[in-house]
Amino acid sequence: MTCRGPRGIELGLSHCHLCGLTLRGEGLCPRCGEAVHLRVPGSLQRTWALLIAAMLLYVPANAFPIMHTSALGDDRADTILEGVVYFLTEGEWAIALVIFVASVLVPLLKMLALLYLLTSVRRRSPVRPRERTRIYRLTEVIGRWSMVDVFVVALMVALVHLGQIARITPGPGALAFAAVVILTMLAASAFDPRLIWDHLEPRR
């Protein structure tokens, strides 16, 4: 695939990731003082490291209980998927769908999207750079919504605290899941999307 015109790096243009200012060359941003580079140093290495850590933690996040419930002597420990099944059996299809999409599907799709982007850049692929850039922007936007399960657990822990009658405590899966969400968000922010366009031939 060919590019429609010269790229910013060929014109010596750089972009400040902190305030968004476009300027020539590298150095310090005149507006916010942040270090500016034509390409973020070590972007791929940091993204790979964060993504691999998130993928490793994704297994215990779904295998371990995310919440322990104790009510009138009845103790219960539920994983994310068990919570989805519980709401399905109770007829709460909308709640089950929200939890499944936000807590299971979105983190998985985000990790697969980042894996695809990293692999395509590694292979110097010139295929569909616009679509790949849109995929990256989408992973940035939807990543934060995966925290809905963690927020629900935190809210229930804060509200339900009735001594020996009823008590809700977070399980080990909650910590692993929160780590997965944070690591994928950091991986997306560490990835430099300008690398997608670096292997296109300029149109003559």
N, C-alpha and C. Protein backbone atom coordinates (compact mmCIF):
# COMPACT_ATOMS: atom_id res chain seq x y z
N MET A 1 0.85 -1.20 0.00
CA MET A 1 0.00 0.00 0.00
C MET A 1 0.88 1.24 0.00
N THR A 2 0.45 2.29 -0.67
CA THR A 2 1.20 3.54 -0.73
C THR A 2 0.51 4.59 0.11
N CYS A 3 1.30 5.54 0.57
CA CYS A 3 0.77 6.64 1.37
C CYS A 3 0.45 7.81 0.46
N ARG A 4 -0.56 8.59 0.76
CA ARG A 4 -1.00 9.68 -0.10
C ARG A 4 -0.01 10.85 -0.13
N GLY A 5 0.82 10.97 0.84
CA GLY A 5 1.77 12.07 0.88
C GLY A 5 2.88 11.79 1.87
N PRO A 6 3.78 12.74 2.07
CA PRO A 6 4.87 12.52 3.03
C PRO A 6 4.34 12.40 4.45
N ARG A 7 4.97 11.52 5.21
CA ARG A 7 4.58 11.36 6.60
C ARG A 7 5.19 12.45 7.46
N GLY A 8 4.63 12.58 8.67
CA GLY A 8 5.12 13.60 9.58
C GLY A 8 6.58 13.42 9.92
N ILE A 9 7.02 12.16 10.05
CA ILE A 9 8.41 11.91 10.40
C ILE A 9 9.35 12.35 9.29
N GLU A 10 8.87 12.28 8.03
CA GLU A 10 9.68 12.72 6.90
C GLU A 10 9.76 14.24 6.83
N LEU A 11 8.76 14.91 7.41
CA LEU A 11 8.77 16.38 7.47
C LEU A 11 9.37 16.89 8.77
N GLY A 12 9.82 15.97 9.63
CA GLY A 12 10.40 16.38 10.90
C GLY A 12 9.38 16.82 11.92
N LEU A 13 8.11 16.40 11.77
CA LEU A 13 7.06 16.81 12.69
C LEU A 13 6.91 15.78 13.81
N SER A 14 6.77 16.26 15.02
CA SER A 14 6.55 15.41 16.19
C SER A 14 5.30 15.87 16.92
N HIS A 15 4.87 15.05 17.85
CA HIS A 15 3.59 15.28 18.52
C HIS A 15 3.78 15.05 20.01
N CYS A 16 3.37 16.02 20.82
CA CYS A 16 3.46 15.89 22.27
C CYS A 16 2.32 15.02 22.77
N HIS A 17 2.63 13.94 23.47
CA HIS A 17 1.61 13.03 23.96
C HIS A 17 0.89 13.58 25.19
N LEU A 18 1.42 14.62 25.80
CA LEU A 18 0.80 15.15 27.01
C LEU A 18 -0.26 16.21 26.68
N CYS A 19 0.10 17.18 25.85
CA CYS A 19 -0.84 18.27 25.56
C CYS A 19 -1.33 18.27 24.12
N GLY A 20 -0.74 17.41 23.24
CA GLY A 20 -1.22 17.30 21.88
C GLY A 20 -0.64 18.31 20.90
N LEU A 21 0.34 19.10 21.31
CA LEU A 21 0.93 20.10 20.43
C LEU A 21 1.79 19.44 19.35
N THR A 22 1.64 19.89 18.10
CA THR A 22 2.47 19.42 16.99
C THR A 22 3.57 20.44 16.76
N LEU A 23 4.82 19.95 16.69
CA LEU A 23 5.95 20.84 16.49
C LEU A 23 7.00 20.14 15.66
N ARG A 24 8.04 20.89 15.29
CA ARG A 24 9.11 20.34 14.48
C ARG A 24 10.25 19.84 15.37
N GLY A 25 10.77 18.66 15.00
CA GLY A 25 11.92 18.11 15.70
C GLY A 25 11.59 17.54 17.05
N GLU A 26 12.65 17.16 17.76
CA GLU A 26 12.52 16.60 19.10
C GLU A 26 13.00 17.61 20.14
N GLY A 27 12.80 17.26 21.39
CA GLY A 27 13.21 18.16 22.47
C GLY A 27 12.12 18.28 23.51
N LEU A 28 11.98 19.48 24.08
CA LEU A 28 10.95 19.72 25.07
C LEU A 28 9.80 20.51 24.45
N CYS A 29 8.59 20.12 24.83
CA CYS A 29 7.41 20.81 24.34
C CYS A 29 7.38 22.24 24.89
N PRO A 30 7.26 23.24 24.04
CA PRO A 30 7.26 24.62 24.53
C PRO A 30 6.01 24.98 25.34
N ARG A 31 4.96 24.15 25.24
CA ARG A 31 3.73 24.46 25.95
C ARG A 31 3.66 23.81 27.34
N CYS A 32 4.07 22.54 27.44
CA CYS A 32 3.95 21.85 28.73
C CYS A 32 5.27 21.35 29.29
N GLY A 33 6.36 21.41 28.49
CA GLY A 33 7.66 21.00 28.97
C GLY A 33 7.92 19.51 28.90
N GLU A 34 7.00 18.73 28.32
CA GLU A 34 7.17 17.28 28.20
C GLU A 34 8.18 16.96 27.10
N ALA A 35 8.96 15.87 27.30
CA ALA A 35 9.91 15.44 26.27
C ALA A 35 9.15 14.94 25.04
N VAL A 36 9.56 15.41 23.86
CA VAL A 36 8.88 15.09 22.60
C VAL A 36 9.85 14.33 21.70
N HIS A 37 9.35 13.23 21.10
CA HIS A 37 10.16 12.41 20.20
C HIS A 37 9.37 12.16 18.92
N LEU A 38 10.12 11.93 17.83
CA LEU A 38 9.46 11.59 16.57
C LEU A 38 8.70 10.27 16.71
N ARG A 39 9.25 9.34 17.46
CA ARG A 39 8.58 8.10 17.83
C ARG A 39 8.90 7.83 19.30
N VAL A 40 7.91 7.34 20.03
CA VAL A 40 8.09 7.09 21.46
C VAL A 40 9.16 6.02 21.67
N PRO A 41 10.24 6.32 22.39
CA PRO A 41 11.30 5.32 22.60
C PRO A 41 10.80 4.12 23.39
N GLY A 42 11.13 2.91 22.92
CA GLY A 42 10.76 1.69 23.62
C GLY A 42 9.27 1.41 23.67
N SER A 43 8.51 1.96 22.73
CA SER A 43 7.06 1.78 22.75
C SER A 43 6.67 0.32 22.62
N LEU A 44 7.25 -0.39 21.65
CA LEU A 44 6.87 -1.79 21.43
C LEU A 44 7.27 -2.67 22.60
N GLN A 45 8.46 -2.44 23.15
CA GLN A 45 8.92 -3.27 24.26
C GLN A 45 8.03 -3.13 25.49
N ARG A 46 7.66 -1.89 25.81
CA ARG A 46 6.80 -1.67 26.97
C ARG A 46 5.40 -2.24 26.74
N THR A 47 4.89 -2.08 25.51
CA THR A 47 3.56 -2.60 25.22
C THR A 47 3.54 -4.12 25.30
N TRP A 48 4.56 -4.76 24.75
CA TRP A 48 4.65 -6.22 24.83
C TRP A 48 4.69 -6.69 26.28
N ALA A 49 5.53 -6.05 27.10
CA ALA A 49 5.67 -6.46 28.50
C ALA A 49 4.35 -6.32 29.26
N LEU A 50 3.67 -5.19 29.09
CA LEU A 50 2.40 -4.96 29.77
C LEU A 50 1.32 -5.91 29.28
N LEU A 51 1.30 -6.17 27.97
CA LEU A 51 0.28 -7.06 27.41
C LEU A 51 0.48 -8.50 27.88
N ILE A 52 1.71 -8.98 27.90
CA ILE A 52 1.99 -10.35 28.36
C ILE A 52 1.59 -10.51 29.82
N ALA A 53 1.91 -9.50 30.64
CA ALA A 53 1.51 -9.55 32.05
C ALA A 53 -0.01 -9.59 32.19
N ALA A 54 -0.72 -8.81 31.39
CA ALA A 54 -2.19 -8.80 31.44
C ALA A 54 -2.76 -10.15 31.00
N MET A 55 -2.18 -10.76 29.98
CA MET A 55 -2.66 -12.05 29.50
C MET A 55 -2.44 -13.15 30.53
N LEU A 56 -1.33 -13.08 31.26
CA LEU A 56 -1.07 -14.07 32.30
C LEU A 56 -2.05 -13.92 33.46
N LEU A 57 -2.39 -12.69 33.81
CA LEU A 57 -3.31 -12.44 34.93
C LEU A 57 -4.77 -12.66 34.55
N TYR A 58 -5.06 -12.72 33.25
CA TYR A 58 -6.44 -12.90 32.82
C TYR A 58 -6.99 -14.25 33.26
N VAL A 59 -6.11 -15.26 33.35
CA VAL A 59 -6.56 -16.61 33.77
C VAL A 59 -7.00 -16.62 35.23
N PRO A 60 -6.17 -16.19 36.19
CA PRO A 60 -6.66 -16.16 37.57
C PRO A 60 -7.80 -15.17 37.79
N ALA A 61 -7.87 -14.12 36.98
CA ALA A 61 -8.96 -13.15 37.13
C ALA A 61 -10.31 -13.80 36.88
N ASN A 62 -10.35 -14.80 36.00
CA ASN A 62 -11.61 -15.48 35.70
C ASN A 62 -11.75 -16.81 36.43
N ALA A 63 -10.64 -17.36 36.92
CA ALA A 63 -10.70 -18.65 37.61
C ALA A 63 -10.94 -18.51 39.10
N PHE A 64 -10.44 -17.43 39.71
CA PHE A 64 -10.59 -17.23 41.15
C PHE A 64 -11.86 -16.43 41.46
N PRO A 65 -12.41 -16.62 42.66
CA PRO A 65 -13.61 -15.86 43.05
C PRO A 65 -13.33 -14.36 43.07
N ILE A 66 -14.26 -13.60 42.54
CA ILE A 66 -14.12 -12.15 42.55
C ILE A 66 -14.79 -11.53 43.78
N MET A 67 -15.67 -12.34 44.44
CA MET A 67 -16.42 -11.81 45.58
C MET A 67 -16.84 -12.94 46.51
N HIS A 68 -16.68 -12.72 47.82
CA HIS A 68 -17.14 -13.64 48.84
C HIS A 68 -18.36 -13.02 49.53
N THR A 69 -19.44 -13.77 49.61
CA THR A 69 -20.67 -13.29 50.24
C THR A 69 -21.02 -14.18 51.42
N SER A 70 -21.31 -13.55 52.55
CA SER A 70 -21.73 -14.28 53.74
C SER A 70 -23.01 -13.64 54.26
N ALA A 71 -24.10 -14.41 54.29
CA ALA A 71 -25.40 -13.91 54.74
C ALA A 71 -26.09 -14.97 55.57
N LEU A 72 -26.27 -14.67 56.87
CA LEU A 72 -26.95 -15.57 57.80
C LEU A 72 -26.32 -16.97 57.81
N GLY A 73 -24.99 -16.98 57.83
CA GLY A 73 -24.27 -18.24 57.91
C GLY A 73 -24.06 -18.94 56.59
N ASP A 74 -24.62 -18.41 55.51
CA ASP A 74 -24.47 -19.02 54.18
C ASP A 74 -23.33 -18.31 53.44
N ASP A 75 -22.24 -19.02 53.22
CA ASP A 75 -21.07 -18.46 52.55
C ASP A 75 -21.09 -18.84 51.07
N ARG A 76 -20.72 -17.88 50.23
CA ARG A 76 -20.74 -18.10 48.79
C ARG A 76 -19.57 -17.34 48.16
N ALA A 77 -18.87 -18.02 47.24
CA ALA A 77 -17.75 -17.39 46.51
C ALA A 77 -18.03 -17.55 45.02
N ASP A 78 -18.06 -16.43 44.30
CA ASP A 78 -18.43 -16.44 42.89
C ASP A 78 -17.32 -15.87 42.02
N THR A 79 -17.06 -16.55 40.91
CA THR A 79 -16.20 -15.98 39.87
C THR A 79 -17.05 -15.07 38.99
N ILE A 80 -16.41 -14.42 38.04
CA ILE A 80 -17.14 -13.52 37.13
C ILE A 80 -18.18 -14.31 36.33
N LEU A 81 -17.77 -15.44 35.77
CA LEU A 81 -18.69 -16.23 34.95
C LEU A 81 -19.82 -16.81 35.79
N GLU A 82 -19.53 -17.19 37.04
CA GLU A 82 -20.59 -17.69 37.92
C GLU A 82 -21.59 -16.59 38.23
N GLY A 83 -21.12 -15.35 38.34
CA GLY A 83 -22.02 -14.22 38.52
C GLY A 83 -22.92 -14.03 37.31
N VAL A 84 -22.34 -14.20 36.12
CA VAL A 84 -23.14 -14.08 34.89
C VAL A 84 -24.22 -15.17 34.87
N VAL A 85 -23.84 -16.41 35.20
CA VAL A 85 -24.80 -17.52 35.21
C VAL A 85 -25.89 -17.27 36.25
N TYR A 86 -25.51 -16.72 37.41
CA TYR A 86 -26.49 -16.45 38.47
C TYR A 86 -27.56 -15.48 37.99
N PHE A 87 -27.14 -14.39 37.35
CA PHE A 87 -28.11 -13.40 36.87
C PHE A 87 -28.96 -13.97 35.74
N LEU A 88 -28.39 -14.86 34.93
CA LEU A 88 -29.17 -15.50 33.87
C LEU A 88 -30.26 -16.38 34.46
N THR A 89 -29.92 -17.15 35.48
CA THR A 89 -30.91 -18.03 36.10
C THR A 89 -31.99 -17.24 36.84
N GLU A 90 -31.64 -16.02 37.28
CA GLU A 90 -32.62 -15.16 37.95
C GLU A 90 -33.47 -14.36 36.97
N GLY A 91 -33.17 -14.52 35.67
CA GLY A 91 -33.93 -13.80 34.66
C GLY A 91 -33.46 -12.39 34.38
N GLU A 92 -32.33 -12.01 34.96
CA GLU A 92 -31.78 -10.67 34.75
C GLU A 92 -30.82 -10.70 33.55
N TRP A 93 -31.38 -10.79 32.36
CA TRP A 93 -30.58 -10.92 31.15
C TRP A 93 -29.74 -9.68 30.88
N ALA A 94 -30.31 -8.51 31.13
CA ALA A 94 -29.58 -7.26 30.85
C ALA A 94 -28.35 -7.13 31.72
N ILE A 95 -28.49 -7.42 33.03
CA ILE A 95 -27.34 -7.33 33.94
C ILE A 95 -26.29 -8.36 33.57
N ALA A 96 -26.73 -9.58 33.26
CA ALA A 96 -25.79 -10.64 32.87
C ALA A 96 -25.03 -10.25 31.60
N LEU A 97 -25.72 -9.64 30.65
CA LEU A 97 -25.08 -9.23 29.41
C LEU A 97 -24.06 -8.13 29.66
N VAL A 98 -24.40 -7.15 30.49
CA VAL A 98 -23.46 -6.06 30.79
C VAL A 98 -22.20 -6.59 31.46
N ILE A 99 -22.38 -7.48 32.45
CA ILE A 99 -21.22 -8.02 33.16
C ILE A 99 -20.36 -8.87 32.21
N PHE A 100 -21.00 -9.69 31.37
CA PHE A 100 -20.24 -10.55 30.46
C PHE A 100 -19.45 -9.71 29.45
N VAL A 101 -20.11 -8.72 28.86
CA VAL A 101 -19.43 -7.89 27.86
C VAL A 101 -18.31 -7.07 28.49
N ALA A 102 -18.61 -6.39 29.60
CA ALA A 102 -17.64 -5.48 30.21
C ALA A 102 -16.50 -6.21 30.90
N SER A 103 -16.78 -7.37 31.50
CA SER A 103 -15.78 -8.02 32.34
C SER A 103 -15.10 -9.22 31.69
N VAL A 104 -15.69 -9.79 30.66
CA VAL A 104 -15.10 -10.96 30.00
C VAL A 104 -14.72 -10.65 28.56
N LEU A 105 -15.68 -10.16 27.80
CA LEU A 105 -15.47 -9.98 26.37
C LEU A 105 -14.55 -8.80 26.05
N VAL A 106 -14.79 -7.65 26.69
CA VAL A 106 -14.00 -6.44 26.37
C VAL A 106 -12.52 -6.62 26.70
N PRO A 107 -12.14 -7.11 27.90
CA PRO A 107 -10.70 -7.31 28.15
C PRO A 107 -10.05 -8.28 27.18
N LEU A 108 -10.79 -9.37 26.84
CA LEU A 108 -10.23 -10.35 25.91
C LEU A 108 -10.03 -9.74 24.52
N LEU A 109 -11.05 -9.03 24.02
CA LEU A 109 -10.94 -8.41 22.70
C LEU A 109 -9.86 -7.34 22.67
N LYS A 110 -9.71 -6.61 23.78
CA LYS A 110 -8.68 -5.58 23.83
C LYS A 110 -7.29 -6.20 23.77
N MET A 111 -7.08 -7.29 24.48
CA MET A 111 -5.78 -7.95 24.43
C MET A 111 -5.50 -8.52 23.04
N LEU A 112 -6.52 -9.11 22.41
CA LEU A 112 -6.34 -9.63 21.05
C LEU A 112 -6.06 -8.51 20.06
N ALA A 113 -6.73 -7.35 20.24
CA ALA A 113 -6.49 -6.21 19.35
C ALA A 113 -5.06 -5.70 19.49
N LEU A 114 -4.58 -5.56 20.72
CA LEU A 114 -3.20 -5.11 20.94
C LEU A 114 -2.20 -6.12 20.40
N LEU A 115 -2.52 -7.41 20.56
CA LEU A 115 -1.64 -8.45 20.02
C LEU A 115 -1.56 -8.36 18.51
N TYR A 116 -2.71 -8.12 17.87
CA TYR A 116 -2.74 -7.97 16.41
C TYR A 116 -1.93 -6.75 15.96
N LEU A 117 -2.10 -5.63 16.66
CA LEU A 117 -1.37 -4.42 16.29
C LEU A 117 0.13 -4.60 16.46
N LEU A 118 0.54 -5.19 17.57
CA LEU A 118 1.97 -5.40 17.82
C LEU A 118 2.57 -6.34 16.78
N THR A 119 1.84 -7.41 16.46
CA THR A 119 2.34 -8.37 15.47
C THR A 119 2.44 -7.74 14.09
N SER A 120 1.45 -6.95 13.70
CA SER A 120 1.48 -6.32 12.38
C SER A 120 2.61 -5.31 12.26
N VAL A 121 2.87 -4.56 13.33
CA VAL A 121 3.99 -3.61 13.31
C VAL A 121 5.32 -4.36 13.28
N ARG A 122 5.39 -5.44 14.05
CA ARG A 122 6.61 -6.25 14.07
C ARG A 122 6.92 -6.82 12.69
N ARG A 123 5.88 -7.21 11.96
CA ARG A 123 6.07 -7.79 10.62
C ARG A 123 6.17 -6.71 9.54
N ARG A 124 6.12 -5.44 9.93
CA ARG A 124 6.18 -4.31 9.00
C ARG A 124 5.07 -4.40 7.95
N SER A 125 3.89 -4.75 8.41
CA SER A 125 2.76 -4.94 7.50
C SER A 125 2.24 -3.59 7.00
N PRO A 126 2.05 -3.45 5.68
CA PRO A 126 1.47 -2.22 5.14
C PRO A 126 -0.04 -2.31 4.92
N VAL A 127 -0.66 -3.37 5.42
CA VAL A 127 -2.08 -3.67 5.13
C VAL A 127 -2.99 -2.85 6.03
N ARG A 128 -3.97 -2.16 5.42
CA ARG A 128 -5.06 -1.48 6.12
C ARG A 128 -4.59 -0.64 7.32
N PRO A 129 -3.76 0.36 7.11
CA PRO A 129 -3.30 1.17 8.25
C PRO A 129 -4.41 1.98 8.89
N ARG A 130 -5.39 2.45 8.08
CA ARG A 130 -6.49 3.22 8.66
C ARG A 130 -7.34 2.35 9.59
N GLU A 131 -7.64 1.12 9.14
CA GLU A 131 -8.44 0.24 9.97
C GLU A 131 -7.70 -0.13 11.25
N ARG A 132 -6.40 -0.34 11.14
CA ARG A 132 -5.62 -0.68 12.34
C ARG A 132 -5.56 0.51 13.30
N THR A 133 -5.49 1.71 12.76
CA THR A 133 -5.50 2.90 13.62
C THR A 133 -6.84 3.04 14.31
N ARG A 134 -7.93 2.74 13.61
CA ARG A 134 -9.26 2.79 14.23
C ARG A 134 -9.38 1.73 15.33
N ILE A 135 -8.80 0.55 15.11
CA ILE A 135 -8.81 -0.49 16.14
C ILE A 135 -8.09 0.00 17.39
N TYR A 136 -6.97 0.68 17.18
CA TYR A 136 -6.22 1.20 18.34
C TYR A 136 -7.04 2.25 19.08
N ARG A 137 -7.66 3.16 18.36
CA ARG A 137 -8.47 4.20 19.02
C ARG A 137 -9.63 3.57 19.79
N LEU A 138 -10.21 2.51 19.23
CA LEU A 138 -11.32 1.84 19.90
C LEU A 138 -10.87 1.18 21.19
N THR A 139 -9.68 0.55 21.17
CA THR A 139 -9.18 -0.08 22.40
C THR A 139 -8.93 0.96 23.48
N GLU A 140 -8.53 2.15 23.11
CA GLU A 140 -8.34 3.22 24.10
C GLU A 140 -9.66 3.64 24.72
N VAL A 141 -10.70 3.73 23.91
CA VAL A 141 -11.98 4.26 24.39
C VAL A 141 -12.69 3.26 25.29
N ILE A 142 -12.72 1.98 24.89
CA ILE A 142 -13.54 1.01 25.61
C ILE A 142 -12.81 0.38 26.79
N GLY A 143 -11.51 0.55 26.88
CA GLY A 143 -10.75 -0.13 27.92
C GLY A 143 -11.19 0.18 29.32
N ARG A 144 -11.51 1.44 29.59
CA ARG A 144 -11.88 1.85 30.95
C ARG A 144 -13.20 1.26 31.43
N TRP A 145 -14.09 0.86 30.49
CA TRP A 145 -15.39 0.33 30.88
C TRP A 145 -15.27 -1.07 31.48
N SER A 146 -14.13 -1.71 31.35
CA SER A 146 -13.94 -3.02 31.95
C SER A 146 -13.89 -2.94 33.47
N MET A 147 -13.73 -1.75 34.02
CA MET A 147 -13.65 -1.60 35.47
C MET A 147 -15.02 -1.67 36.14
N VAL A 148 -16.09 -1.86 35.36
CA VAL A 148 -17.42 -1.83 35.95
C VAL A 148 -17.59 -2.93 37.00
N ASP A 149 -17.01 -4.11 36.77
CA ASP A 149 -17.12 -5.19 37.73
C ASP A 149 -16.40 -4.85 39.03
N VAL A 150 -15.23 -4.24 38.92
CA VAL A 150 -14.48 -3.84 40.12
C VAL A 150 -15.25 -2.78 40.90
N PHE A 151 -15.88 -1.84 40.18
CA PHE A 151 -16.67 -0.80 40.85
C PHE A 151 -17.87 -1.41 41.58
N VAL A 152 -18.51 -2.39 40.96
CA VAL A 152 -19.66 -3.05 41.59
C VAL A 152 -19.24 -3.75 42.88
N VAL A 153 -18.12 -4.48 42.84
CA VAL A 153 -17.63 -5.16 44.03
C VAL A 153 -17.28 -4.16 45.12
N ALA A 154 -16.58 -3.08 44.75
CA ALA A 154 -16.20 -2.07 45.74
C ALA A 154 -17.43 -1.42 46.37
N LEU A 155 -18.44 -1.16 45.54
CA LEU A 155 -19.67 -0.54 46.06
C LEU A 155 -20.40 -1.48 47.01
N MET A 156 -20.49 -2.76 46.67
CA MET A 156 -21.19 -3.71 47.52
C MET A 156 -20.44 -3.95 48.82
N VAL A 157 -19.10 -3.98 48.75
CA VAL A 157 -18.30 -4.13 49.97
C VAL A 157 -18.54 -2.96 50.91
N ALA A 158 -18.66 -1.74 50.35
CA ALA A 158 -18.87 -0.56 51.17
C ALA A 158 -20.28 -0.50 51.76
N LEU A 159 -21.28 -1.00 51.02
CA LEU A 159 -22.67 -0.88 51.45
C LEU A 159 -23.12 -2.03 52.35
N VAL A 160 -22.66 -3.24 52.02
CA VAL A 160 -23.13 -4.42 52.76
C VAL A 160 -22.09 -4.79 53.80
N HIS A 161 -22.29 -4.32 55.01
CA HIS A 161 -21.36 -4.61 56.10
C HIS A 161 -22.17 -4.63 57.39
N LEU A 162 -22.86 -5.78 57.63
CA LEU A 162 -23.78 -5.89 58.76
C LEU A 162 -23.29 -6.90 59.78
N GLY A 163 -22.01 -6.89 60.07
CA GLY A 163 -21.45 -7.77 61.08
C GLY A 163 -21.61 -9.23 60.73
N GLN A 164 -22.23 -10.01 61.63
CA GLN A 164 -22.42 -11.43 61.42
C GLN A 164 -23.62 -11.74 60.52
N ILE A 165 -24.48 -10.75 60.28
CA ILE A 165 -25.68 -10.98 59.47
C ILE A 165 -25.35 -11.10 57.99
N ALA A 166 -24.64 -10.12 57.47
CA ALA A 166 -24.28 -10.13 56.05
C ALA A 166 -22.96 -9.39 55.86
N ARG A 167 -22.14 -9.96 55.02
CA ARG A 167 -20.83 -9.34 54.76
C ARG A 167 -20.38 -9.73 53.35
N ILE A 168 -19.83 -8.76 52.64
CA ILE A 168 -19.27 -9.01 51.30
C ILE A 168 -17.83 -8.55 51.30
N THR A 169 -16.95 -9.43 50.86
CA THR A 169 -15.53 -9.10 50.78
C THR A 169 -15.01 -9.45 49.39
N PRO A 170 -14.05 -8.67 48.86
CA PRO A 170 -13.49 -8.98 47.54
C PRO A 170 -12.63 -10.23 47.59
N GLY A 171 -12.68 -11.00 46.53
CA GLY A 171 -11.87 -12.21 46.41
C GLY A 171 -10.59 -11.96 45.66
N PRO A 172 -9.73 -12.96 45.56
CA PRO A 172 -8.46 -12.79 44.84
C PRO A 172 -8.65 -12.50 43.35
N GLY A 173 -9.77 -12.94 42.80
CA GLY A 173 -10.03 -12.65 41.39
C GLY A 173 -10.24 -11.17 41.12
N ALA A 174 -10.75 -10.43 42.12
CA ALA A 174 -10.98 -9.00 41.94
C ALA A 174 -9.67 -8.25 41.75
N LEU A 175 -8.66 -8.62 42.55
CA LEU A 175 -7.36 -7.97 42.42
C LEU A 175 -6.71 -8.30 41.07
N ALA A 176 -6.80 -9.58 40.68
CA ALA A 176 -6.23 -9.98 39.38
C ALA A 176 -6.95 -9.30 38.23
N PHE A 177 -8.28 -9.18 38.34
CA PHE A 177 -9.04 -8.54 37.27
C PHE A 177 -8.73 -7.06 37.17
N ALA A 178 -8.63 -6.38 38.31
CA ALA A 178 -8.27 -4.97 38.30
C ALA A 178 -6.88 -4.77 37.68
N ALA A 179 -5.96 -5.70 37.99
CA ALA A 179 -4.62 -5.62 37.41
C ALA A 179 -4.66 -5.80 35.89
N VAL A 180 -5.53 -6.71 35.41
CA VAL A 180 -5.67 -6.92 33.96
C VAL A 180 -6.14 -5.65 33.27
N VAL A 181 -7.17 -5.01 33.84
CA VAL A 181 -7.71 -3.80 33.24
C VAL A 181 -6.68 -2.69 33.23
N ILE A 182 -5.98 -2.50 34.34
CA ILE A 182 -4.97 -1.43 34.43
C ILE A 182 -3.82 -1.70 33.47
N LEU A 183 -3.37 -2.96 33.40
CA LEU A 183 -2.25 -3.29 32.52
C LEU A 183 -2.61 -3.10 31.05
N THR A 184 -3.85 -3.47 30.66
CA THR A 184 -4.24 -3.28 29.26
C THR A 184 -4.38 -1.79 28.93
N MET A 185 -4.85 -0.99 29.88
CA MET A 185 -4.93 0.45 29.66
C MET A 185 -3.53 1.05 29.51
N LEU A 186 -2.59 0.60 30.34
CA LEU A 186 -1.21 1.08 30.23
C LEU A 186 -0.57 0.61 28.93
N ALA A 187 -0.90 -0.63 28.52
CA ALA A 187 -0.34 -1.15 27.26
C ALA A 187 -0.83 -0.33 26.07
N ALA A 188 -2.13 0.02 26.08
CA ALA A 188 -2.67 0.83 24.99
C ALA A 188 -2.04 2.22 24.96
N SER A 189 -1.81 2.80 26.14
CA SER A 189 -1.21 4.14 26.18
C SER A 189 0.28 4.09 25.82
N ALA A 190 0.94 2.94 26.04
CA ALA A 190 2.36 2.82 25.71
C ALA A 190 2.59 2.61 24.22
N PHE A 191 1.58 2.09 23.52
CA PHE A 191 1.72 1.83 22.09
C PHE A 191 1.67 3.13 21.30
N ASP A 192 2.63 3.31 20.39
CA ASP A 192 2.68 4.49 19.54
C ASP A 192 2.01 4.16 18.21
N PRO A 193 0.79 4.66 17.95
CA PRO A 193 0.08 4.28 16.72
C PRO A 193 0.74 4.79 15.45
N ARG A 194 1.66 5.75 15.56
CA ARG A 194 2.35 6.22 14.36
C ARG A 194 3.23 5.15 13.75
N LEU A 195 3.59 4.12 14.56
CA LEU A 195 4.38 3.01 14.03
C LEU A 195 3.63 2.23 12.96
N ILE A 196 2.30 2.30 12.99
CA ILE A 196 1.48 1.59 11.99
C ILE A 196 1.77 2.12 10.59
N TRP A 197 2.09 3.41 10.48
CA TRP A 197 2.24 4.06 9.19
C TRP A 197 3.69 4.11 8.71
N ASP A 198 4.62 3.60 9.48
CA ASP A 198 6.02 3.78 9.15
C ASP A 198 6.52 2.91 8.01
N HIS A 199 5.75 1.91 7.61
CA HIS A 199 6.23 0.98 6.58
C HIS A 199 5.47 1.12 5.27
N LEU A 200 4.82 2.27 5.09
CA LEU A 200 4.11 2.53 3.83
C LEU A 200 5.04 3.29 2.88
N GLU A 201 4.94 2.95 1.62
CA GLU A 201 5.73 3.66 0.62
C GLU A 201 5.01 4.94 0.23
N PRO A 202 5.71 6.11 0.24
CA PRO A 202 5.05 7.37 -0.16
C PRO A 202 4.67 7.34 -1.63
N ARG A 203 3.48 7.86 -1.94
CA ARG A 203 2.99 7.91 -3.33
C ARG A 203 3.75 8.97 -4.10
N ARG A 204 4.23 8.59 -5.28
CA ARG A 204 4.96 9.53 -6.13
C ARG A 204 3.99 10.21 -7.10
